[in-house]
C-alpha atoms as a PDB file:
ATOM      1  CA  MET A   1     -47.200 -74.484  -3.862  1.00  0.00           C
ATOM      2  CA  ARG A   2     -48.548 -74.273  -0.484  1.00  0.00           C
ATOM      3  CA  LEU A   3     -50.141 -70.887   1.781  1.00  0.00           C
ATOM      4  CA  VAL A   4     -48.274 -70.048   4.490  1.00  0.00           C
ATOM      5  CA  HIS A   5     -49.450 -67.675   7.730  1.00  0.00           C
ATOM      6  CA  ASP A   6     -46.916 -65.652   9.965  1.00  0.00           C
ATOM      7  CA  PRO A   7     -49.009 -64.095  12.538  1.00  0.00           C
ATOM      8  CA  VAL A   8     -48.313 -60.822  13.966  1.00  0.00           C
ATOM      9  CA  SER A   9     -47.876 -60.056  17.627  1.00  0.00           C
ATOM     10  CA  ASP A  10     -47.157 -57.361  19.580  1.00  0.00           C
ATOM     11  CA  ASP A  11     -42.918 -59.158  19.966  1.00  0.00           C
ATOM     12  CA  ASP A  12     -42.753 -58.846  15.876  1.00  0.00           C
ATOM     13  CA  LEU A  13     -43.575 -55.290  16.087  1.00  0.00           C
ATOM     14  CA  GLY A  14     -40.587 -53.330  14.658  1.00  0.00           C
ATOM     15  CA  ASP A  15     -39.008 -56.752  13.283  1.00  0.00           C
ATOM     16  CA  ASP A  16     -37.771 -57.097   9.871  1.00  0.00           C
ATOM     17  CA  PRO A  17     -40.889 -58.339   7.846  1.00  0.00           C
ATOM     18  CA  SER A  18     -38.558 -60.149   5.303  1.00  0.00           C
ATOM     19  CA  ASP A  19     -37.710 -62.602   8.576  1.00  0.00           C
ATOM     20  CA  ASP A  20     -39.542 -65.963   8.023  1.00  0.00           C
ATOM     21  CA  THR A  21     -37.977 -67.236  10.870  1.00  0.00           C
ATOM     22  CA  ASP A  22     -41.486 -66.731  12.770  1.00  0.00           C
ATOM     23  CA  ARG A  23     -41.679 -69.872  14.743  1.00  0.00           C
ATOM     24  CA  ASP A  24     -45.823 -69.460  15.043  1.00  0.00           C
ATOM     25  CA  ALA A  25     -45.754 -69.943  10.971  1.00  0.00           C
ATOM     26  CA  ARG A  26     -48.396 -72.420  10.010  1.00  0.00           C
ATOM     27  CA  VAL A  27     -49.748 -73.679   6.609  1.00  0.00           C
ATOM     28  CA  LEU A  28     -53.033 -72.758   5.772  1.00  0.00           C
ATOM     29  CA  ALA A  29     -53.158 -75.156   2.440  1.00  0.00           C
ATOM     30  CA  THR A  30     -51.256 -77.259   0.995  1.00  0.00           C
ATOM     31  CA  ARG A  31     -52.989 -76.962  -2.801  1.00  0.00           C
ATOM     32  CA  VAL A  32     -52.879 -74.295  -3.871  1.00  0.00           C
ATOM     33  CA  ASP A  33     -54.124 -73.742  -7.508  1.00  0.00           C
ATOM     34  CA  LEU A  34     -53.476 -70.058  -9.843  1.00  0.00           C
ATOM     35  CA  ALA A  35     -55.602 -68.458 -11.441  1.00  0.00           C
ATOM     36  CA  ASP A  36     -53.657 -66.722 -14.193  1.00  0.00           C
ATOM     37  CA  SER A  37     -56.024 -66.366 -16.573  1.00  0.00           C
ATOM     38  CA  ILE A  38     -58.816 -64.315 -17.492  1.00  0.00           C
ATOM     39  CA  VAL A  39     -60.995 -67.253 -17.764  1.00  0.00           C
ATOM     40  CA  SER A  40     -59.844 -69.137 -14.126  1.00  0.00           C
ATOM     41  CA  GLN A  41     -60.024 -65.207 -12.628  1.00  0.00           C
ATOM     42  CA  THR A  42     -63.196 -65.094 -14.019  1.00  0.00           C
ATOM     43  CA  LEU A  43     -64.812 -68.123 -13.152  1.00  0.00           C
ATOM     44  CA  GLY A  44     -63.310 -68.295  -9.930  1.00  0.00           C
ATOM     45  CA  LEU A  45     -64.696 -70.938  -7.610  1.00  0.00           C
ATOM     46  CA  MET A  46     -68.152 -70.784  -9.418  1.00  0.00           C
ATOM     47  CA  PHE A  47     -70.453 -73.956 -10.547  1.00  0.00           C
ATOM     48  CA  ARG A  48     -68.439 -76.377  -7.847  1.00  0.00           C
ATOM     49  CA  ARG A  49     -69.660 -77.877  -5.356  1.00  0.00           C
ATOM     50  CA  SER A  50     -66.867 -78.533  -2.891  1.00  0.00           C
ATOM     51  CA  ILE A  51     -63.679 -77.838  -2.521  1.00  0.00           C
ATOM     52  CA  PRO A  52     -61.175 -79.459  -0.317  1.00  0.00           C
ATOM     53  CA  ASP A  53     -60.223 -78.901   3.513  1.00  0.00           C
ATOM     54  CA  ASP A  54     -56.491 -78.149   2.506  1.00  0.00           C
ATOM     55  CA  TYR A  55     -57.210 -76.243  -0.769  1.00  0.00           C
ATOM     56  CA  ALA A  56     -56.811 -72.280  -2.035  1.00  0.00           C
ATOM     57  CA  LEU A  57     -57.424 -70.476  -5.179  1.00  0.00           C
ATOM     58  CA  ALA A  58     -54.486 -67.673  -5.339  1.00  0.00           C
ATOM     59  CA  PHE A  59     -55.376 -64.864  -7.663  1.00  0.00           C
ATOM     60  CA  GLU A  60     -52.218 -62.771  -8.344  1.00  0.00           C
ATOM     61  CA  PHE A  61     -52.827 -59.220 -10.375  1.00  0.00           C
ATOM     62  CA  GLY A  62     -49.804 -56.774 -11.161  1.00  0.00           C
ATOM     63  CA  SER A  63     -50.313 -54.187  -8.571  1.00  0.00           C
ATOM     64  CA  ALA A  64     -52.151 -53.379  -5.658  1.00  0.00           C
ATOM     65  CA  LYS A  65     -55.444 -51.728  -6.247  1.00  0.00           C
ATOM     66  CA  THR A  66     -59.418 -52.422  -5.279  1.00  0.00           C
ATOM     67  CA  ARG A  67     -60.888 -55.622  -5.930  1.00  0.00           C
ATOM     68  CA  ASP A  68     -64.157 -57.110  -6.119  1.00  0.00           C
ATOM     69  CA  LEU A  69     -65.441 -60.233  -4.828  1.00  0.00           C
ATOM     70  CA  HIS A  70     -68.749 -61.889  -5.890  1.00  0.00           C
ATOM     71  CA  MET A  71     -70.592 -65.218  -4.731  1.00  0.00           C
ATOM     72  CA  LEU A  72     -72.754 -65.382  -7.529  1.00  0.00           C
ATOM     73  CA  PHE A  73     -73.196 -69.476  -8.416  1.00  0.00           C
ATOM     74  CA  VAL A  74     -70.515 -70.605  -5.980  1.00  0.00           C
ATOM     75  CA  PHE A  75     -72.673 -73.096  -3.764  1.00  0.00           C
ATOM     76  CA  PHE A  76     -70.670 -73.252  -0.243  1.00  0.00           C
ATOM     77  CA  PRO A  77     -69.262 -70.414   2.128  1.00  0.00           C
ATOM     78  CA  ILE A  78     -65.357 -69.062   1.831  1.00  0.00           C
ATOM     79  CA  ASP A  79     -62.791 -66.963   3.866  1.00  0.00           C
ATOM     80  CA  ALA A  80     -61.505 -63.950   1.426  1.00  0.00           C
ATOM     81  CA  VAL A  81     -57.952 -62.554   1.917  1.00  0.00           C
ATOM     82  CA  TRP A  82     -57.188 -59.857   0.256  1.00  0.00           C
ATOM     83  CA  ILE A  83     -53.651 -59.257   0.662  1.00  0.00           C
ATOM     84  CA  THR A  84     -50.636 -56.161  -0.395  1.00  0.00           C
ATOM     85  CA  ASP A  85     -47.070 -56.659  -0.902  1.00  0.00           C
ATOM     86  CA  GLY A  86     -47.518 -59.662   1.403  1.00  0.00           C
ATOM     87  CA  VAL A  87     -49.733 -58.183   4.679  1.00  0.00           C
ATOM     88  CA  VAL A  88     -53.491 -58.808   4.959  1.00  0.00           C
ATOM     89  CA  ARG A  89     -55.474 -55.908   4.270  1.00  0.00           C
ATOM     90  CA  ARG A  90     -58.883 -57.569   4.648  1.00  0.00           C
ATOM     91  CA  VAL A  91     -60.561 -61.211   5.474  1.00  0.00           C
ATOM     92  CA  GLU A  92     -64.102 -62.095   4.946  1.00  0.00           C
ATOM     93  CA  THR A  93     -66.208 -65.539   5.519  1.00  0.00           C
ATOM     94  CA  LEU A  94     -68.475 -64.834   2.560  1.00  0.00           C
ATOM     95  CA  ARG A  95     -71.621 -66.607   2.250  1.00  0.00           C
ATOM     96  CA  PRO A  96     -73.279 -68.604  -0.483  1.00  0.00           C
ATOM     97  CA  TRP A  97     -74.748 -66.537  -3.594  1.00  0.00           C
ATOM     98  CA  ARG A  98     -75.203 -63.657  -1.410  1.00  0.00           C
ATOM     99  CA  SER A  99     -72.655 -61.823  -0.503  1.00  0.00           C
ATOM    100  CA  PHE A 100     -70.097 -59.422  -2.318  1.00  0.00           C
ATOM    101  CA  ALA A 101     -66.828 -57.691  -1.042  1.00  0.00           C
ATOM    102  CA  ARG A 102     -64.091 -55.486  -2.197  1.00  0.00           C
ATOM    103  CA  ALA A 103     -60.691 -54.393  -0.493  1.00  0.00           C
ATOM    104  CA  GLU A 104     -57.439 -52.886  -2.051  1.00  0.00           C
ATOM    105  CA  ALA A 105     -54.696 -56.090  -3.040  1.00  0.00           C
ATOM    106  CA  ASP A 106     -52.343 -57.125  -5.363  1.00  0.00           C
ATOM    107  CA  LEU A 107     -52.886 -60.827  -4.501  1.00  0.00           C
ATOM    108  CA  ILE A 108     -56.299 -62.174  -3.269  1.00  0.00           C
ATOM    109  CA  VAL A 109     -56.744 -65.953  -1.461  1.00  0.00           C
ATOM    110  CA  GLU A 110     -59.989 -68.036  -1.386  1.00  0.00           C
ATOM    111  CA  LEU A 111     -60.099 -70.579   1.066  1.00  0.00           C
ATOM    112  CA  PRO A 112     -63.017 -73.073   2.961  1.00  0.00           C
ATOM    113  CA  ALA A 113     -64.421 -71.768   5.441  1.00  0.00           C
ATOM    114  CA  GLY A 114     -62.859 -71.167   9.151  1.00  0.00           C
ATOM    115  CA  THR A 115     -59.461 -71.860   7.935  1.00  0.00           C
ATOM    116  CA  ALA A 116     -58.513 -67.954   8.119  1.00  0.00           C
ATOM    117  CA  ALA A 117     -60.269 -67.890  11.665  1.00  0.00           C
ATOM    118  CA  ASN A 118     -56.853 -66.874  13.240  1.00  0.00           C
ATOM    119  CA  VAL A 119     -55.576 -65.074  10.428  1.00  0.00           C
ATOM    120  CA  GLU A 120     -55.555 -60.862  10.905  1.00  0.00           C
ATOM    121  CA  PRO A 121     -54.917 -57.784   8.857  1.00  0.00           C
ATOM    122  CA  GLY A 122     -51.208 -57.091   9.483  1.00  0.00           C
ATOM    123  CA  ASP A 123     -50.691 -60.858   9.930  1.00  0.00           C
ATOM    124  CA  ARG A 124     -48.369 -61.861   6.576  1.00  0.00           C
ATOM    125  CA  LEU A 125     -49.786 -64.655   4.137  1.00  0.00           C
ATOM    126  CA  ARG A 126     -47.049 -65.901   1.354  1.00  0.00           C
ATOM    127  CA  LEU A 127     -47.090 -68.562  -1.625  1.00  0.00           C
ATOM    128  CA  GLU A 128     -44.681 -71.271  -1.337  1.00  0.00           C
ATOM    129  CA  ASP A 129     -43.148 -74.056  -3.843  1.00  0.00           C
ATOM    130  CA  GLY A 130     -42.955 -77.055  -2.035  1.00  0.00           C
END
């Protein structure tokens, strides 16, 4: 599974959001783990010493609502992206041990710090098999 970023440009405004022919799309992660159990969602990235540059941890939820992230017992900075219906709602770089953030989402993705530097609210992110 991989994580693909489709930036929204001024030229894209008014286009069909289901159009996947955006030539500016780029892969943010080629190794994506799904936190699909209560245990994996609770642990997240806690207690890991690092993650690879091409890695993402994705939390899929059945519906959009306010979701919290904390950095207790996370030893390295990460980029967190809150997504609703494929559209980025918030992007935040979180510091080890100290950060806490929340936003509405039906999907949250955690990435190595700096990976989401060019991702902005309104952009689209999608998980793809491959």
